[in-house]
Amino acid sequence: MTHTHNATVQPLPSSILHNSVEVRRQYTRAAAKQAVQFISRKVSIFKRKAAAVAQDIPQAQGGH
């Protein structure tokens, strides 16, 4: 006995499935979301490293 698995409860009409503009829009949205997550992770890592380095650098002494 074989089971077919549908991703959605209601099957989508083929006009939506083959609508390349909508599919492209969804992929673009997903890619943009991934890019934002990637960049924010990189920025937070950079900030953490910068804060650690700033603590190691002795503060500049006032006056000459």
N, C-alpha and C. Protein backbone atom coordinates (compact mmCIF):
# COMPACT_ATOMS: atom_id res chain seq x y z
N MET A 1 0.84 -1.17 0.00
CA MET A 1 0.00 0.00 0.00
C MET A 1 0.89 1.25 0.00
N THR A 2 0.68 2.12 -0.94
CA THR A 2 1.49 3.33 -1.03
C THR A 2 0.68 4.53 -0.59
N HIS A 3 1.35 5.47 0.00
CA HIS A 3 0.71 6.70 0.45
C HIS A 3 1.30 7.86 -0.34
N THR A 4 0.46 8.76 -0.77
CA THR A 4 0.98 9.98 -1.38
C THR A 4 0.90 11.08 -0.33
N HIS A 5 1.94 11.87 -0.26
CA HIS A 5 2.01 12.93 0.73
C HIS A 5 1.88 14.27 0.03
N ASN A 6 0.90 15.02 0.44
CA ASN A 6 0.72 16.37 -0.09
C ASN A 6 1.24 17.37 0.92
N ALA A 7 1.90 18.40 0.43
CA ALA A 7 2.42 19.44 1.33
C ALA A 7 1.28 20.29 1.88
N THR A 8 0.19 20.39 1.14
CA THR A 8 -0.94 21.19 1.59
C THR A 8 -2.17 20.31 1.69
N VAL A 9 -3.09 20.70 2.52
CA VAL A 9 -4.33 19.94 2.66
C VAL A 9 -5.16 20.07 1.38
N GLN A 10 -5.31 21.32 0.92
CA GLN A 10 -6.01 21.55 -0.34
C GLN A 10 -4.98 21.62 -1.46
N PRO A 11 -5.06 20.73 -2.45
CA PRO A 11 -4.10 20.84 -3.54
C PRO A 11 -4.26 22.17 -4.27
N LEU A 12 -3.13 22.76 -4.62
CA LEU A 12 -3.18 24.06 -5.28
C LEU A 12 -3.55 23.87 -6.75
N PRO A 13 -4.31 24.80 -7.29
CA PRO A 13 -4.59 24.71 -8.72
C PRO A 13 -3.31 24.88 -9.54
N SER A 14 -3.26 24.20 -10.67
CA SER A 14 -2.02 24.21 -11.45
C SER A 14 -1.67 25.61 -11.93
N SER A 15 -2.67 26.50 -12.05
CA SER A 15 -2.37 27.87 -12.48
C SER A 15 -1.48 28.57 -11.47
N ILE A 16 -1.64 28.25 -10.16
CA ILE A 16 -0.79 28.85 -9.13
C ILE A 16 0.57 28.15 -9.13
N LEU A 17 0.56 26.82 -9.26
CA LEU A 17 1.81 26.07 -9.21
C LEU A 17 2.74 26.46 -10.35
N HIS A 18 2.16 26.79 -11.50
CA HIS A 18 2.99 27.08 -12.67
C HIS A 18 3.10 28.56 -12.95
N ASN A 19 2.69 29.36 -11.99
CA ASN A 19 2.81 30.80 -12.16
C ASN A 19 4.23 31.20 -11.78
N SER A 20 5.06 31.35 -12.80
CA SER A 20 6.49 31.56 -12.53
C SER A 20 6.76 32.86 -11.78
N VAL A 21 5.95 33.88 -11.98
CA VAL A 21 6.16 35.15 -11.28
C VAL A 21 5.98 34.94 -9.78
N GLU A 22 4.91 34.24 -9.40
CA GLU A 22 4.65 34.00 -7.98
C GLU A 22 5.73 33.10 -7.38
N VAL A 23 6.14 32.09 -8.11
CA VAL A 23 7.19 31.19 -7.63
C VAL A 23 8.49 31.96 -7.43
N ARG A 24 8.82 32.82 -8.41
CA ARG A 24 10.03 33.64 -8.29
C ARG A 24 9.94 34.55 -7.09
N ARG A 25 8.75 35.11 -6.86
CA ARG A 25 8.56 36.01 -5.73
C ARG A 25 8.80 35.28 -4.41
N GLN A 26 8.30 34.05 -4.32
CA GLN A 26 8.49 33.28 -3.09
C GLN A 26 9.96 32.95 -2.87
N TYR A 27 10.64 32.52 -3.94
CA TYR A 27 12.07 32.23 -3.81
C TYR A 27 12.86 33.48 -3.46
N THR A 28 12.48 34.61 -4.06
CA THR A 28 13.18 35.86 -3.76
C THR A 28 12.99 36.24 -2.30
N ARG A 29 11.74 36.09 -1.81
CA ARG A 29 11.46 36.39 -0.41
C ARG A 29 12.30 35.51 0.51
N ALA A 30 12.36 34.22 0.19
CA ALA A 30 13.13 33.29 1.02
C ALA A 30 14.61 33.63 0.98
N ALA A 31 15.12 33.96 -0.21
CA ALA A 31 16.54 34.30 -0.34
C ALA A 31 16.86 35.58 0.41
N ALA A 32 15.97 36.55 0.34
CA ALA A 32 16.20 37.82 1.05
C ALA A 32 16.21 37.59 2.55
N LYS A 33 15.31 36.75 3.02
CA LYS A 33 15.25 36.44 4.45
C LYS A 33 16.54 35.77 4.91
N GLN A 34 17.03 34.81 4.09
CA GLN A 34 18.29 34.14 4.43
C GLN A 34 19.45 35.12 4.43
N ALA A 35 19.47 36.04 3.47
CA ALA A 35 20.55 37.02 3.39
C ALA A 35 20.55 37.92 4.62
N VAL A 36 19.37 38.37 5.04
CA VAL A 36 19.28 39.23 6.22
C VAL A 36 19.76 38.48 7.46
N GLN A 37 19.36 37.22 7.60
CA GLN A 37 19.80 36.43 8.75
C GLN A 37 21.32 36.25 8.73
N PHE A 38 21.87 35.97 7.55
CA PHE A 38 23.31 35.77 7.41
C PHE A 38 24.07 37.04 7.80
N ILE A 39 23.63 38.18 7.26
CA ILE A 39 24.32 39.45 7.53
C ILE A 39 24.20 39.82 9.01
N SER A 40 23.02 39.63 9.60
CA SER A 40 22.87 39.99 11.01
C SER A 40 23.73 39.10 11.90
N ARG A 41 23.89 37.82 11.52
CA ARG A 41 24.79 36.95 12.27
C ARG A 41 26.22 37.44 12.17
N LYS A 42 26.64 37.81 10.95
CA LYS A 42 28.01 38.30 10.76
C LYS A 42 28.24 39.59 11.55
N VAL A 43 27.25 40.48 11.54
CA VAL A 43 27.39 41.75 12.26
C VAL A 43 27.50 41.50 13.76
N SER A 44 26.68 40.58 14.29
CA SER A 44 26.75 40.33 15.73
C SER A 44 28.08 39.68 16.12
N ILE A 45 28.60 38.81 15.27
CA ILE A 45 29.92 38.21 15.54
C ILE A 45 30.99 39.31 15.52
N PHE A 46 30.90 40.21 14.51
CA PHE A 46 31.87 41.30 14.40
C PHE A 46 31.81 42.20 15.63
N LYS A 47 30.59 42.52 16.08
CA LYS A 47 30.44 43.39 17.26
C LYS A 47 31.04 42.72 18.49
N ARG A 48 30.79 41.40 18.62
CA ARG A 48 31.33 40.69 19.78
C ARG A 48 32.86 40.73 19.76
N LYS A 49 33.46 40.49 18.59
CA LYS A 49 34.92 40.52 18.49
C LYS A 49 35.46 41.92 18.73
N ALA A 50 34.76 42.92 18.19
CA ALA A 50 35.20 44.31 18.37
C ALA A 50 35.15 44.70 19.84
N ALA A 51 34.13 44.27 20.55
CA ALA A 51 34.01 44.59 21.97
C ALA A 51 35.14 43.92 22.75
N ALA A 52 35.49 42.69 22.38
CA ALA A 52 36.57 41.99 23.07
C ALA A 52 37.91 42.68 22.81
N VAL A 53 38.13 43.12 21.58
CA VAL A 53 39.38 43.81 21.25
C VAL A 53 39.44 45.16 21.96
N ALA A 54 38.32 45.87 22.03
CA ALA A 54 38.28 47.18 22.68
C ALA A 54 38.63 47.07 24.16
N GLN A 55 38.26 45.96 24.79
CA GLN A 55 38.60 45.78 26.20
C GLN A 55 40.09 45.52 26.38
N ASP A 56 40.73 44.89 25.38
CA ASP A 56 42.15 44.59 25.48
C ASP A 56 43.04 45.80 25.23
N ILE A 57 42.53 46.78 24.47
CA ILE A 57 43.34 47.96 24.15
C ILE A 57 43.31 48.92 25.33
N PRO A 58 44.49 49.30 25.83
CA PRO A 58 44.50 50.27 26.94
C PRO A 58 43.97 51.62 26.45
N GLN A 59 43.23 52.29 27.31
CA GLN A 59 42.65 53.57 26.93
C GLN A 59 43.76 54.61 26.73
N ALA A 60 43.57 55.44 25.73
CA ALA A 60 44.57 56.49 25.43
C ALA A 60 44.63 57.45 26.62
N GLN A 61 45.85 57.81 26.98
CA GLN A 61 46.02 58.69 28.14
C GLN A 61 45.84 60.13 27.72
N GLY A 62 45.16 60.91 28.53
CA GLY A 62 44.93 62.32 28.22
C GLY A 62 46.19 63.13 28.44
N GLY A 63 46.35 64.21 27.67
CA GLY A 63 47.51 65.10 27.85
C GLY A 63 48.71 64.57 27.09
N HIS A 64 49.76 65.42 27.02
CA HIS A 64 50.97 65.02 26.29
C HIS A 64 52.13 64.93 27.19
